[in-house]
Amino acid sequence: MNNVQDGSKLLAWVTGADGLIGSHIKLSAPFYVYAPTWRVRGLNRKDFDLTNFEEMQRQFEIDRPALVIHCAALSDLEACELEPAKTRLVNRETAFFLSRLSEVIPMIFFSSILVFGGSNGN
């Protein structure tokens, strides 16, 4: 699924493609007349587990995306409070690892008030 296949279209990864924002990006992408040279691979849990960093790196090297739109996160407040270690792994460590993979390409990161309220920090 690399950028050479499927004509000359560039590949964008959209993580969290079954979530609210990710699903809208994935479903509306074919209608973006201003981005005709792009195609989207919407990623969800069925594709691979984003917390399996070895597998994520393998998939990244296979696909060679030219853009990453990272929408995946745990956002259920009660679940996050019950499982802080899992929440940190999914919401923080996964984003950090993906950003390292994407260091030479654009990466767009989505968050919510449930993940980061924005009231503190840089």
PDB file of N, CA and C in Angstrom:
ATOM      1  N   MET A   1       0.819  -1.198   0.000  1.00  0.00           N
ATOM      2  CA  MET A   1       0.000   0.000   0.000  1.00  0.00           C
ATOM      3  C   MET A   1       0.854   1.250   0.000  1.00  0.00           C
ATOM      4  N   ASN A   2       2.014   1.165  -0.559  1.00  0.00           N
ATOM      5  CA  ASN A   2       2.882   2.335  -0.492  1.00  0.00           C
ATOM      6  C   ASN A   2       2.460   3.396  -1.494  1.00  0.00           C
ATOM      7  N   ASN A   3       3.169   4.495  -1.504  1.00  0.00           N
ATOM      8  CA  ASN A   3       2.789   5.634  -2.320  1.00  0.00           C
ATOM      9  C   ASN A   3       3.034   5.430  -3.809  1.00  0.00           C
ATOM     10  N   VAL A   4       3.782   4.402  -4.176  1.00  0.00           N
ATOM     11  CA  VAL A   4       4.036   4.147  -5.586  1.00  0.00           C
ATOM     12  C   VAL A   4       2.852   3.434  -6.212  1.00  0.00           C
ATOM     13  N   GLN A   5       2.203   2.576  -5.440  1.00  0.00           N
ATOM     14  CA  GLN A   5       1.038   1.867  -5.939  1.00  0.00           C
ATOM     15  C   GLN A   5      -0.156   2.807  -6.016  1.00  0.00           C
ATOM     16  N   ASP A   6      -1.213   2.365  -6.667  1.00  0.00           N
ATOM     17  CA  ASP A   6      -2.434   3.156  -6.789  1.00  0.00           C
ATOM     18  C   ASP A   6      -2.137   4.478  -7.488  1.00  0.00           C
ATOM     19  N   GLY A   7      -1.460   4.383  -8.635  1.00  0.00           N
ATOM     20  CA  GLY A   7      -1.106   5.598  -9.359  1.00  0.00           C
ATOM     21  C   GLY A   7      -0.053   6.368  -8.598  1.00  0.00           C
ATOM     22  N   SER A   8      -0.182   7.654  -8.608  1.00  0.00           N
ATOM     23  CA  SER A   8       0.794   8.493  -7.908  1.00  0.00           C
ATOM     24  C   SER A   8       0.180   9.142  -6.670  1.00  0.00           C
ATOM     25  N   LYS A   9      -0.936   8.612  -6.205  1.00  0.00           N
ATOM     26  CA  LYS A   9      -1.593   9.203  -5.050  1.00  0.00           C
ATOM     27  C   LYS A   9      -0.781   8.996  -3.781  1.00  0.00           C
ATOM     28  N   LEU A  10      -0.717  10.041  -2.986  1.00  0.00           N
ATOM     29  CA  LEU A  10      -0.048   9.982  -1.694  1.00  0.00           C
ATOM     30  C   LEU A  10      -0.999   9.355  -0.680  1.00  0.00           C
ATOM     31  N   LEU A  11      -0.443   8.642   0.270  1.00  0.00           N
ATOM     32  CA  LEU A  11      -1.244   7.958   1.279  1.00  0.00           C
ATOM     33  C   LEU A  11      -1.278   8.741   2.576  1.00  0.00           C
ATOM     34  N   ALA A  12      -2.467   8.897   3.132  1.00  0.00           N
ATOM     35  CA  ALA A  12      -2.638   9.486   4.460  1.00  0.00           C
ATOM     36  C   ALA A  12      -3.199   8.420   5.382  1.00  0.00           C
ATOM     37  N   TRP A  13      -2.574   8.241   6.522  1.00  0.00           N
ATOM     38  CA  TRP A  13      -3.112   7.375   7.569  1.00  0.00           C
ATOM     39  C   TRP A  13      -4.049   8.198   8.428  1.00  0.00           C
ATOM     40  N   VAL A  14      -5.199   7.636   8.760  1.00  0.00           N
ATOM     41  CA  VAL A  14      -6.114   8.246   9.721  1.00  0.00           C
ATOM     42  C   VAL A  14      -6.335   7.225  10.823  1.00  0.00           C
ATOM     43  N   THR A  15      -5.755   7.465  11.993  1.00  0.00           N
ATOM     44  CA  THR A  15      -5.960   6.556  13.122  1.00  0.00           C
ATOM     45  C   THR A  15      -7.295   6.887  13.785  1.00  0.00           C
ATOM     46  N   GLY A  16      -7.843   5.903  14.469  1.00  0.00           N
ATOM     47  CA  GLY A  16      -9.137   6.124  15.112  1.00  0.00           C
ATOM     48  C   GLY A  16     -10.246   6.292  14.090  1.00  0.00           C
ATOM     49  N   ALA A  17     -10.157   5.556  12.993  1.00  0.00           N
ATOM     50  CA  ALA A  17     -11.089   5.729  11.876  1.00  0.00           C
ATOM     51  C   ALA A  17     -12.510   5.285  12.190  1.00  0.00           C
ATOM     52  N   ASP A  18     -12.725   4.646  13.319  1.00  0.00           N
ATOM     53  CA  ASP A  18     -14.088   4.296  13.732  1.00  0.00           C
ATOM     54  C   ASP A  18     -14.645   5.285  14.751  1.00  0.00           C
ATOM     55  N   GLY A  19     -13.834   6.243  15.166  1.00  0.00           N
ATOM     56  CA  GLY A  19     -14.277   7.252  16.125  1.00  0.00           C
ATOM     57  C   GLY A  19     -14.979   8.402  15.421  1.00  0.00           C
ATOM     58  N   LEU A  20     -15.401   9.368  16.196  1.00  0.00           N
ATOM     59  CA  LEU A  20     -16.182  10.487  15.678  1.00  0.00           C
ATOM     60  C   LEU A  20     -15.431  11.279  14.607  1.00  0.00           C
ATOM     61  N   ILE A  21     -14.280  11.801  14.927  1.00  0.00           N
ATOM     62  CA  ILE A  21     -13.549  12.641  13.974  1.00  0.00           C
ATOM     63  C   ILE A  21     -12.918  11.796  12.872  1.00  0.00           C
ATOM     64  N   GLY A  22     -12.257  10.709  13.255  1.00  0.00           N
ATOM     65  CA  GLY A  22     -11.591   9.859  12.272  1.00  0.00           C
ATOM     66  C   GLY A  22     -12.541   9.304  11.228  1.00  0.00           C
ATOM     67  N   SER A  23     -13.738   8.905  11.639  1.00  0.00           N
ATOM     68  CA  SER A  23     -14.699   8.352  10.677  1.00  0.00           C
ATOM     69  C   SER A  23     -15.164   9.417   9.695  1.00  0.00           C
ATOM     70  N   HIS A  24     -15.323  10.646  10.155  1.00  0.00           N
ATOM     71  CA  HIS A  24     -15.725  11.729   9.247  1.00  0.00           C
ATOM     72  C   HIS A  24     -14.624  12.030   8.235  1.00  0.00           C
ATOM     73  N   ILE A  25     -13.392  12.015   8.683  1.00  0.00           N
ATOM     74  CA  ILE A  25     -12.276  12.252   7.757  1.00  0.00           C
ATOM     75  C   ILE A  25     -12.217  11.133   6.731  1.00  0.00           C
ATOM     76  N   LYS A  26     -12.296   9.888   7.201  1.00  0.00           N
ATOM     77  CA  LYS A  26     -12.206   8.728   6.304  1.00  0.00           C
ATOM     78  C   LYS A  26     -13.344   8.726   5.288  1.00  0.00           C
ATOM     79  N   LEU A  27     -14.559   8.955   5.741  1.00  0.00           N
ATOM     80  CA  LEU A  27     -15.717   8.873   4.847  1.00  0.00           C
ATOM     81  C   LEU A  27     -15.814  10.057   3.888  1.00  0.00           C
ATOM     82  N   SER A  28     -15.347  11.209   4.305  1.00  0.00           N
ATOM     83  CA  SER A  28     -15.465  12.377   3.439  1.00  0.00           C
ATOM     84  C   SER A  28     -14.258  12.564   2.525  1.00  0.00           C
ATOM     85  N   ALA A  29     -13.167  11.870   2.778  1.00  0.00           N
ATOM     86  CA  ALA A  29     -11.945  12.047   1.992  1.00  0.00           C
ATOM     87  C   ALA A  29     -12.155  11.879   0.487  1.00  0.00           C
ATOM     88  N   PRO A  30     -12.940  10.908   0.020  1.00  0.00           N
ATOM     89  CA  PRO A  30     -13.111  10.775  -1.432  1.00  0.00           C
ATOM     90  C   PRO A  30     -13.783  11.989  -2.082  1.00  0.00           C
ATOM     91  N   PHE A  31     -14.413  12.812  -1.292  1.00  0.00           N
ATOM     92  CA  PHE A  31     -15.128  13.966  -1.833  1.00  0.00           C
ATOM     93  C   PHE A  31     -14.319  15.253  -1.759  1.00  0.00           C
ATOM     94  N   TYR A  32     -13.079  15.161  -1.264  1.00  0.00           N
ATOM     95  CA  TYR A  32     -12.225  16.347  -1.165  1.00  0.00           C
ATOM     96  C   TYR A  32     -11.685  16.687  -2.553  1.00  0.00           C
ATOM     97  N   VAL A  33     -12.348  17.567  -3.239  1.00  0.00           N
ATOM     98  CA  VAL A  33     -11.905  17.934  -4.585  1.00  0.00           C
ATOM     99  C   VAL A  33     -10.594  18.716  -4.550  1.00  0.00           C
ATOM    100  N   TYR A  34     -10.256  19.271  -3.391  1.00  0.00           N
ATOM    101  CA  TYR A  34      -9.020  20.027  -3.282  1.00  0.00           C
ATOM    102  C   TYR A  34      -7.825  19.132  -2.971  1.00  0.00           C
ATOM    103  N   ALA A  35      -8.033  17.838  -2.836  1.00  0.00           N
ATOM    104  CA  ALA A  35      -6.924  16.918  -2.564  1.00  0.00           C
ATOM    105  C   ALA A  35      -7.033  15.668  -3.440  1.00  0.00           C
ATOM    106  N   PRO A  36      -7.070  15.848  -4.747  1.00  0.00           N
ATOM    107  CA  PRO A  36      -7.277  14.690  -5.630  1.00  0.00           C
ATOM    108  C   PRO A  36      -6.094  13.731  -5.691  1.00  0.00           C
ATOM    109  N   THR A  37      -4.934  14.149  -5.221  1.00  0.00           N
ATOM    110  CA  THR A  37      -3.754  13.283  -5.289  1.00  0.00           C
ATOM    111  C   THR A  37      -3.559  12.461  -4.026  1.00  0.00           C
ATOM    112  N   TRP A  38      -4.551  12.487  -3.124  1.00  0.00           N
ATOM    113  CA  TRP A  38      -4.432  11.770  -1.859  1.00  0.00           C
ATOM    114  C   TRP A  38      -5.426  10.623  -1.792  1.00  0.00           C
ATOM    115  N   ARG A  39      -5.024   9.586  -1.073  1.00  0.00           N
ATOM    116  CA  ARG A  39      -5.936   8.504  -0.693  1.00  0.00           C
ATOM    117  C   ARG A  39      -5.759   8.271   0.799  1.00  0.00           C
ATOM    118  N   VAL A  40      -6.762   7.687   1.409  1.00  0.00           N
ATOM    119  CA  VAL A  40      -6.784   7.547   2.866  1.00  0.00           C
ATOM    120  C   VAL A  40      -6.852   6.082   3.252  1.00  0.00           C
ATOM    121  N   ARG A  41      -6.061   5.720   4.221  1.00  0.00           N
ATOM    122  CA  ARG A  41      -6.190   4.423   4.884  1.00  0.00           C
ATOM    123  C   ARG A  41      -6.678   4.710   6.291  1.00  0.00           C
ATOM    124  N   GLY A  42      -7.931   4.392   6.523  1.00  0.00           N
ATOM    125  CA  GLY A  42      -8.486   4.551   7.858  1.00  0.00           C
ATOM    126  C   GLY A  42      -8.108   3.362   8.712  1.00  0.00           C
ATOM    127  N   LEU A  43      -7.469   3.614   9.830  1.00  0.00           N
ATOM    128  CA  LEU A  43      -7.002   2.547  10.716  1.00  0.00           C
ATOM    129  C   LEU A  43      -7.899   2.436  11.935  1.00  0.00           C
ATOM    130  N   ASN A  44      -8.255   1.201  12.251  1.00  0.00           N
ATOM    131  CA  ASN A  44      -9.006   0.931  13.477  1.00  0.00           C
ATOM    132  C   ASN A  44      -8.408  -0.303  14.138  1.00  0.00           C
ATOM    133  N   ARG A  45      -9.008  -0.746  15.211  1.00  0.00           N
ATOM    134  CA  ARG A  45      -8.445  -1.874  15.982  1.00  0.00           C
ATOM    135  C   ARG A  45      -8.363  -3.162  15.168  1.00  0.00           C
ATOM    136  N   LYS A  46      -9.215  -3.302  14.161  1.00  0.00           N
ATOM    137  CA  LYS A  46      -9.182  -4.519  13.338  1.00  0.00           C
ATOM    138  C   LYS A  46      -7.931  -4.572  12.464  1.00  0.00           C
ATOM    139  N   ASP A  47      -7.386  -3.407  12.115  1.00  0.00           N
ATOM    140  CA  ASP A  47      -6.183  -3.381  11.274  1.00  0.00           C
ATOM    141  C   ASP A  47      -4.956  -3.840  12.058  1.00  0.00           C
ATOM    142  N   PHE A  48      -4.705  -3.196  13.171  1.00  0.00           N
ATOM    143  CA  PHE A  48      -3.654  -3.587  14.113  1.00  0.00           C
ATOM    144  C   PHE A  48      -3.785  -2.731  15.351  1.00  0.00           C
ATOM    145  N   ASP A  49      -3.165  -3.188  16.414  1.00  0.00           N
ATOM    146  CA  ASP A  49      -3.207  -2.506  17.701  1.00  0.00           C
ATOM    147  C   ASP A  49      -2.130  -1.421  17.718  1.00  0.00           C
ATOM    148  N   LEU A  50      -2.538  -0.174  17.833  1.00  0.00           N
ATOM    149  CA  LEU A  50      -1.578   0.931  17.834  1.00  0.00           C
ATOM    150  C   LEU A  50      -0.619   0.887  19.017  1.00  0.00           C
ATOM    151  N   THR A  51      -0.970   0.152  20.060  1.00  0.00           N
ATOM    152  CA  THR A  51      -0.056   0.042  21.202  1.00  0.00           C
ATOM    153  C   THR A  51       0.993  -1.046  20.989  1.00  0.00           C
ATOM    154  N   ASN A  52       0.871  -1.790  19.909  1.00  0.00           N
ATOM    155  CA  ASN A  52       1.898  -2.753  19.527  1.00  0.00           C
ATOM    156  C   ASN A  52       2.868  -2.000  18.613  1.00  0.00           C
ATOM    157  N   PHE A  53       3.866  -1.378  19.216  1.00  0.00           N
ATOM    158  CA  PHE A  53       4.743  -0.472  18.483  1.00  0.00           C
ATOM    159  C   PHE A  53       5.531  -1.169  17.383  1.00  0.00           C
ATOM    160  N   GLU A  54       5.908  -2.411  17.620  1.00  0.00           N
ATOM    161  CA  GLU A  54       6.627  -3.164  16.590  1.00  0.00           C
ATOM    162  C   GLU A  54       5.752  -3.339  15.352  1.00  0.00           C
ATOM    163  N   GLU A  55       4.494  -3.694  15.554  1.00  0.00           N
ATOM    164  CA  GLU A  55       3.576  -3.870  14.426  1.00  0.00           C
ATOM    165  C   GLU A  55       3.264  -2.534  13.756  1.00  0.00           C
ATOM    166  N   MET A  56       3.103  -1.487  14.551  1.00  0.00           N
ATOM    167  CA  MET A  56       2.839  -0.178  13.962  1.00  0.00           C
ATOM    168  C   MET A  56       4.011   0.247  13.078  1.00  0.00           C
ATOM    169  N   GLN A  57       5.221   0.041  13.548  1.00  0.00           N
ATOM    170  CA  GLN A  57       6.386   0.394  12.740  1.00  0.00           C
ATOM    171  C   GLN A  57       6.440  -0.439  11.465  1.00  0.00           C
ATOM    172  N   ARG A  58       6.130  -1.713  11.578  1.00  0.00           N
ATOM    173  CA  ARG A  58       6.123  -2.593  10.394  1.00  0.00           C
ATOM    174  C   ARG A  58       5.114  -2.095   9.364  1.00  0.00           C
ATOM    175  N   GLN A  59       3.902  -1.783   9.818  1.00  0.00           N
ATOM    176  CA  GLN A  59       2.861  -1.282   8.912  1.00  0.00           C
ATOM    177  C   GLN A  59       3.268   0.057   8.303  1.00  0.00           C
ATOM    178  N   PHE A  60       3.873   0.904   9.097  1.00  0.00           N
ATOM    179  CA  PHE A  60       4.326   2.209   8.624  1.00  0.00           C
ATOM    180  C   PHE A  60       5.362   2.044   7.512  1.00  0.00           C
ATOM    181  N   GLU A  61       6.297   1.121   7.715  1.00  0.00           N
ATOM    182  CA  GLU A  61       7.329   0.883   6.708  1.00  0.00           C
ATOM    183  C   GLU A  61       6.757   0.277   5.437  1.00  0.00           C
ATOM    184  N   ILE A  62       5.718  -0.528   5.552  1.00  0.00           N
ATOM    185  CA  ILE A  62       5.056  -1.097   4.378  1.00  0.00           C
ATOM    186  C   ILE A  62       4.292  -0.012   3.613  1.00  0.00           C
ATOM    187  N   ASP A  63       3.479   0.749   4.342  1.00  0.00           N
ATOM    188  CA  ASP A  63       2.610   1.743   3.711  1.00  0.00           C
ATOM    189  C   ASP A  63       3.340   3.009   3.281  1.00  0.00           C
ATOM    190  N   ARG A  64       4.330   3.409   4.035  1.00  0.00           N
ATOM    191  CA  ARG A  64       5.053   4.659   3.799  1.00  0.00           C
ATOM    192  C   ARG A  64       4.091   5.832   3.594  1.00  0.00           C
ATOM    193  N   PRO A  65       3.258   6.126   4.596  1.00  0.00           N
ATOM    194  CA  PRO A  65       2.325   7.243   4.429  1.00  0.00           C
ATOM    195  C   PRO A  65       3.069   8.572   4.295  1.00  0.00           C
ATOM    196  N   ALA A  66       2.429   9.505   3.607  1.00  0.00           N
ATOM    197  CA  ALA A  66       3.001  10.842   3.433  1.00  0.00           C
ATOM    198  C   ALA A  66       2.376  11.834   4.417  1.00  0.00           C
ATOM    199  N   LEU A  67       1.371  11.381   5.164  1.00  0.00           N
ATOM    200  CA  LEU A  67       0.672  12.209   6.140  1.00  0.00           C
ATOM    201  C   LEU A  67       0.037  11.289   7.168  1.00  0.00           C
ATOM    202  N   VAL A  68       0.055  11.691   8.428  1.00  0.00           N
ATOM    203  CA  VAL A  68      -0.637  10.955   9.477  1.00  0.00           C
ATOM    204  C   VAL A  68      -1.601  11.916  10.159  1.00  0.00           C
ATOM    205  N   ILE A  69      -2.857  11.495  10.255  1.00  0.00           N
ATOM    206  CA  ILE A  69      -3.865  12.236  11.006  1.00  0.00           C
ATOM    207  C   ILE A  69      -4.238  11.336  12.175  1.00  0.00           C
ATOM    208  N   HIS A  70      -3.785  11.720  13.361  1.00  0.00           N
ATOM    209  CA  HIS A  70      -3.919  10.851  14.541  1.00  0.00           C
ATOM    210  C   HIS A  70      -5.133  11.266  15.366  1.00  0.00           C
ATOM    211  N   CYS A  71      -6.187  10.444  15.280  1.00  0.00           N
ATOM    212  CA  CYS A  71      -7.440  10.712  16.001  1.00  0.00           C
ATOM    213  C   CYS A  71      -7.722   9.673  17.080  1.00  0.00           C
ATOM    214  N   ALA A  72      -6.944   8.610  17.126  1.00  0.00           N
ATOM    215  CA  ALA A  72      -7.207   7.512  18.060  1.00  0.00           C
ATOM    216  C   ALA A  72      -6.882   7.915  19.491  1.00  0.00           C
ATOM    217  N   ALA A  73      -7.774   7.563  20.402  1.00  0.00           N
ATOM    218  CA  ALA A  73      -7.546   7.833  21.823  1.00  0.00           C
ATOM    219  C   ALA A  73      -8.622   7.150  22.647  1.00  0.00           C
ATOM    220  N   LEU A  74      -8.315   6.946  23.917  1.00  0.00           N
ATOM    221  CA  LEU A  74      -9.349   6.569  24.869  1.00  0.00           C
ATOM    222  C   LEU A  74      -9.939   7.869  25.382  1.00  0.00           C
ATOM    223  N   SER A  75     -11.243   8.023  25.249  1.00  0.00           N
ATOM    224  CA  SER A  75     -11.840   9.297  25.642  1.00  0.00           C
ATOM    225  C   SER A  75     -12.994   9.146  26.626  1.00  0.00           C
ATOM    226  N   ASP A  76     -13.316   7.917  27.008  1.00  0.00           N
ATOM    227  CA  ASP A  76     -14.356   7.697  28.010  1.00  0.00           C
ATOM    228  C   ASP A  76     -13.762   8.021  29.383  1.00  0.00           C
ATOM    229  N   LEU A  77     -14.233   9.089  29.984  1.00  0.00           N
ATOM    230  CA  LEU A  77     -13.652   9.589  31.228  1.00  0.00           C
ATOM    231  C   LEU A  77     -13.615   8.530  32.325  1.00  0.00           C
ATOM    232  N   GLU A  78     -14.713   7.804  32.514  1.00  0.00           N
ATOM    233  CA  GLU A  78     -14.746   6.783  33.570  1.00  0.00           C
ATOM    234  C   GLU A  78     -13.747   5.672  33.298  1.00  0.00           C
ATOM    235  N   ALA A  79     -13.691   5.210  32.045  1.00  0.00           N
ATOM    236  CA  ALA A  79     -12.735   4.154  31.694  1.00  0.00           C
ATOM    237  C   ALA A  79     -11.296   4.634  31.884  1.00  0.00           C
ATOM    238  N   CYS A  80     -11.037   5.882  31.529  1.00  0.00           N
ATOM    239  CA  CYS A  80      -9.694   6.444  31.697  1.00  0.00           C
ATOM    240  C   CYS A  80      -9.298   6.517  33.163  1.00  0.00           C
ATOM    241  N   GLU A  81     -10.237   6.878  34.004  1.00  0.00           N
ATOM    242  CA  GLU A  81      -9.943   6.959  35.438  1.00  0.00           C
ATOM    243  C   GLU A  81      -9.739   5.577  36.051  1.00  0.00           C
ATOM    244  N   LEU A  82     -10.451   4.570  35.539  1.00  0.00           N
ATOM    245  CA  LEU A  82     -10.315   3.216  36.056  1.00  0.00           C
ATOM    246  C   LEU A  82      -9.024   2.547  35.610  1.00  0.00           C
ATOM    247  N   GLU A  83      -8.517   2.929  34.448  1.00  0.00           N
ATOM    248  CA  GLU A  83      -7.321   2.290  33.900  1.00  0.00           C
ATOM    249  C   GLU A  83      -6.297   3.347  33.471  1.00  0.00           C
ATOM    250  N   PRO A  84      -5.685   4.022  34.430  1.00  0.00           N
ATOM    251  CA  PRO A  84      -4.757   5.102  34.071  1.00  0.00           C
ATOM    252  C   PRO A  84      -3.529   4.628  33.285  1.00  0.00           C
ATOM    253  N   ALA A  85      -3.029   3.439  33.559  1.00  0.00           N
ATOM    254  CA  ALA A  85      -1.856   2.947  32.827  1.00  0.00           C
ATOM    255  C   ALA A  85      -2.199   2.696  31.361  1.00  0.00           C
ATOM    256  N   LYS A  86      -3.340   2.075  31.135  1.00  0.00           N
ATOM    257  CA  LYS A  86      -3.784   1.831  29.751  1.00  0.00           C
ATOM    258  C   LYS A  86      -4.050   3.163  29.038  1.00  0.00           C
ATOM    259  N   THR A  87      -4.646   4.101  29.746  1.00  0.00           N
ATOM    260  CA  THR A  87      -4.936   5.410  29.174  1.00  0.00           C
ATOM    261  C   THR A  87      -3.653   6.117  28.779  1.00  0.00           C
ATOM    262  N   ARG A  88      -2.656   6.053  29.643  1.00  0.00           N
ATOM    263  CA  ARG A  88      -1.362   6.680  29.335  1.00  0.00           C
ATOM    264  C   ARG A  88      -0.718   6.022  28.119  1.00  0.00           C
ATOM    265  N   LEU A  89      -0.780   4.703  28.050  1.00  0.00           N
ATOM    266  CA  LEU A  89      -0.209   3.992  26.911  1.00  0.00           C
ATOM    267  C   LEU A  89      -0.898   4.400  25.611  1.00  0.00           C
ATOM    268  N   VAL A  90      -2.219   4.376  25.606  1.00  0.00           N
ATOM    269  CA  VAL A  90      -2.968   4.676  24.381  1.00  0.00           C
ATOM    270  C   VAL A  90      -2.885   6.158  24.014  1.00  0.00           C
ATOM    271  N   ASN A  91      -3.107   7.021  24.982  1.00  0.00           N
ATOM    272  CA  ASN A  91      -3.228   8.446  24.671  1.00  0.00           C
ATOM    273  C   ASN A  91      -1.905   9.192  24.598  1.00  0.00           C
ATOM    274  N   ARG A  92      -0.916   8.725  25.314  1.00  0.00           N
ATOM    275  CA  ARG A  92       0.355   9.450  25.331  1.00  0.00           C
ATOM    276  C   ARG A  92       1.448   8.723  24.566  1.00  0.00           C
ATOM    277  N   GLU A  93       1.731   7.503  24.999  1.00  0.00           N
ATOM    278  CA  GLU A  93       2.862   6.776  24.420  1.00  0.00           C
ATOM    279  C   GLU A  93       2.647   6.458  22.941  1.00  0.00           C
ATOM    280  N   THR A  94       1.420   6.110  22.582  1.00  0.00           N
ATOM    281  CA  THR A  94       1.129   5.828  21.177  1.00  0.00           C
ATOM    282  C   THR A  94       1.329   7.077  20.331  1.00  0.00           C
ATOM    283  N   ALA A  95       0.858   8.206  20.817  1.00  0.00           N
ATOM    284  CA  ALA A  95       1.033   9.467  20.075  1.00  0.00           C
ATOM    285  C   ALA A  95       2.518   9.807  19.941  1.00  0.00           C
ATOM    286  N   PHE A  96       3.292   9.607  21.001  1.00  0.00           N
ATOM    287  CA  PHE A  96       4.733   9.877  20.930  1.00  0.00           C
ATOM    288  C   PHE A  96       5.422   8.965  19.920  1.00  0.00           C
ATOM    289  N   PHE A  97       5.083   7.668  19.966  1.00  0.00           N
ATOM    290  CA  PHE A  97       5.722   6.729  19.039  1.00  0.00           C
ATOM    291  C   PHE A  97       5.362   7.072  17.599  1.00  0.00           C
ATOM    292  N   LEU A  98       4.100   7.347  17.365  1.00  0.00           N
ATOM    293  CA  LEU A  98       3.651   7.698  16.014  1.00  0.00           C
ATOM    294  C   LEU A  98       4.310   8.992  15.542  1.00  0.00           C
ATOM    295  N   SER A  99       4.503   9.926  16.442  1.00  0.00           N
ATOM    296  CA  SER A  99       5.169  11.180  16.052  1.00  0.00           C
ATOM    297  C   SER A  99       6.628  10.930  15.680  1.00  0.00           C
ATOM    298  N   ARG A 100       7.275   9.990  16.345  1.00  0.00           N
ATOM    299  CA  ARG A 100       8.654   9.649  15.974  1.00  0.00           C
ATOM    300  C   ARG A 100       8.697   8.991  14.595  1.00  0.00           C
ATOM    301  N   LEU A 101       7.732   8.120  14.315  1.00  0.00           N
ATOM    302  CA  LEU A 101       7.669   7.516  12.984  1.00  0.00           C
ATOM    303  C   LEU A 101       7.421   8.574  11.912  1.00  0.00           C
ATOM    304  N   SER A 102       6.691   9.602  12.274  1.00  0.00           N
ATOM    305  CA  SER A 102       6.268  10.636  11.323  1.00  0.00           C
ATOM    306  C   SER A 102       7.179  11.854  11.317  1.00  0.00           C
ATOM    307  N   GLU A 103       8.363  11.738  11.842  1.00  0.00           N
ATOM    308  CA  GLU A 103       9.193  12.928  12.030  1.00  0.00           C
ATOM    309  C   GLU A 103       9.555  13.644  10.730  1.00  0.00           C
ATOM    310  N   VAL A 104       9.497  12.985   9.590  1.00  0.00           N
ATOM    311  CA  VAL A 104       9.840  13.649   8.329  1.00  0.00           C
ATOM    312  C   VAL A 104       8.615  13.912   7.447  1.00  0.00           C
ATOM    313  N   ILE A 105       7.426  13.645   7.979  1.00  0.00           N
ATOM    314  CA  ILE A 105       6.194  13.919   7.239  1.00  0.00           C
ATOM    315  C   ILE A 105       5.248  14.698   8.155  1.00  0.00           C
ATOM    316  N   PRO A 106       4.252  15.354   7.598  1.00  0.00           N
ATOM    317  CA  PRO A 106       3.287  16.053   8.457  1.00  0.00           C
ATOM    318  C   PRO A 106       2.471  15.071   9.293  1.00  0.00           C
ATOM    319  N   MET A 107       2.200  15.482  10.515  1.00  0.00           N
ATOM    320  CA  MET A 107       1.321  14.719  11.398  1.00  0.00           C
ATOM    321  C   MET A 107       0.359  15.700  12.047  1.00  0.00           C
ATOM    322  N   ILE A 108      -0.913  15.392  11.933  1.00  0.00           N
ATOM    323  CA  ILE A 108      -1.957  16.196  12.557  1.00  0.00           C
ATOM    324  C   ILE A 108      -2.479  15.398  13.742  1.00  0.00           C
ATOM    325  N   PHE A 109      -2.495  16.014  14.912  1.00  0.00           N
ATOM    326  CA  PHE A 109      -2.902  15.341  16.135  1.00  0.00           C
ATOM    327  C   PHE A 109      -4.188  15.951  16.666  1.00  0.00           C
ATOM    328  N   PHE A 110      -5.212  15.125  16.827  1.00  0.00           N
ATOM    329  CA  PHE A 110      -6.470  15.568  17.410  1.00  0.00           C
ATOM    330  C   PHE A 110      -6.527  15.133  18.861  1.00  0.00           C
ATOM    331  N   SER A 111      -7.095  15.962  19.690  1.00  0.00           N
ATOM    332  CA  SER A 111      -7.306  15.645  21.079  1.00  0.00           C
ATOM    333  C   SER A 111      -8.672  16.166  21.475  1.00  0.00           C
ATOM    334  N   SER A 112      -9.052  15.920  22.693  1.00  0.00           N
ATOM    335  CA  SER A 112     -10.332  16.424  23.182  1.00  0.00           C
ATOM    336  C   SER A 112     -10.126  16.948  24.590  1.00  0.00           C
ATOM    337  N   ILE A 113     -11.113  17.598  25.096  1.00  0.00           N
ATOM    338  CA  ILE A 113     -11.045  18.115  26.460  1.00  0.00           C
ATOM    339  C   ILE A 113     -10.902  16.971  27.465  1.00  0.00           C
ATOM    340  N   LEU A 114     -11.359  15.765  27.079  1.00  0.00           N
ATOM    341  CA  LEU A 114     -11.218  14.611  27.967  1.00  0.00           C
ATOM    342  C   LEU A 114      -9.787  14.111  28.016  1.00  0.00           C
ATOM    343  N   VAL A 115      -9.009  14.385  26.974  1.00  0.00           N
ATOM    344  CA  VAL A 115      -7.616  13.970  26.962  1.00  0.00           C
ATOM    345  C   VAL A 115      -6.746  15.097  27.471  1.00  0.00           C
ATOM    346  N   PHE A 116      -6.952  16.297  26.967  1.00  0.00           N
ATOM    347  CA  PHE A 116      -6.202  17.461  27.421  1.00  0.00           C
ATOM    348  C   PHE A 116      -7.101  18.677  27.342  1.00  0.00           C
ATOM    349  N   GLY A 117      -7.413  19.234  28.469  1.00  0.00           N
ATOM    350  CA  GLY A 117      -8.343  20.351  28.526  1.00  0.00           C
ATOM    351  C   GLY A 117      -7.783  21.652  28.017  1.00  0.00           C
ATOM    352  N   GLY A 118      -6.461  21.777  27.936  1.00  0.00           N
ATOM    353  CA  GLY A 118      -5.850  22.968  27.409  1.00  0.00           C
ATOM    354  C   GLY A 118      -5.672  24.101  28.399  1.00  0.00           C
ATOM    355  N   SER A 119      -6.110  23.913  29.636  1.00  0.00           N
ATOM    356  CA  SER A 119      -6.015  25.000  30.608  1.00  0.00           C
ATOM    357  C   SER A 119      -4.598  25.181  31.162  1.00  0.00           C
ATOM    358  N   ASN A 120      -3.794  24.134  31.113  1.00  0.00           N
ATOM    359  CA  ASN A 120      -2.411  24.195  31.579  1.00  0.00           C
ATOM    360  C   ASN A 120      -1.495  23.639  30.507  1.00  0.00           C
ATOM    361  N   GLY A 121      -0.258  23.953  30.594  1.00  0.00           N
ATOM    362  CA  GLY A 121       0.714  23.400  29.658  1.00  0.00           C
ATOM    363  C   GLY A 121       1.242  24.452  28.709  1.00  0.00           C
ATOM    364  N   ASN A 122       2.082  23.994  27.813  1.00  0.00           N
ATOM    365  CA  ASN A 122       2.718  24.909  26.847  1.00  0.00           C
ATOM    366  C   ASN A 122       1.947  24.907  25.565  1.00  0.00           C
TER     367      ASN A 122
END
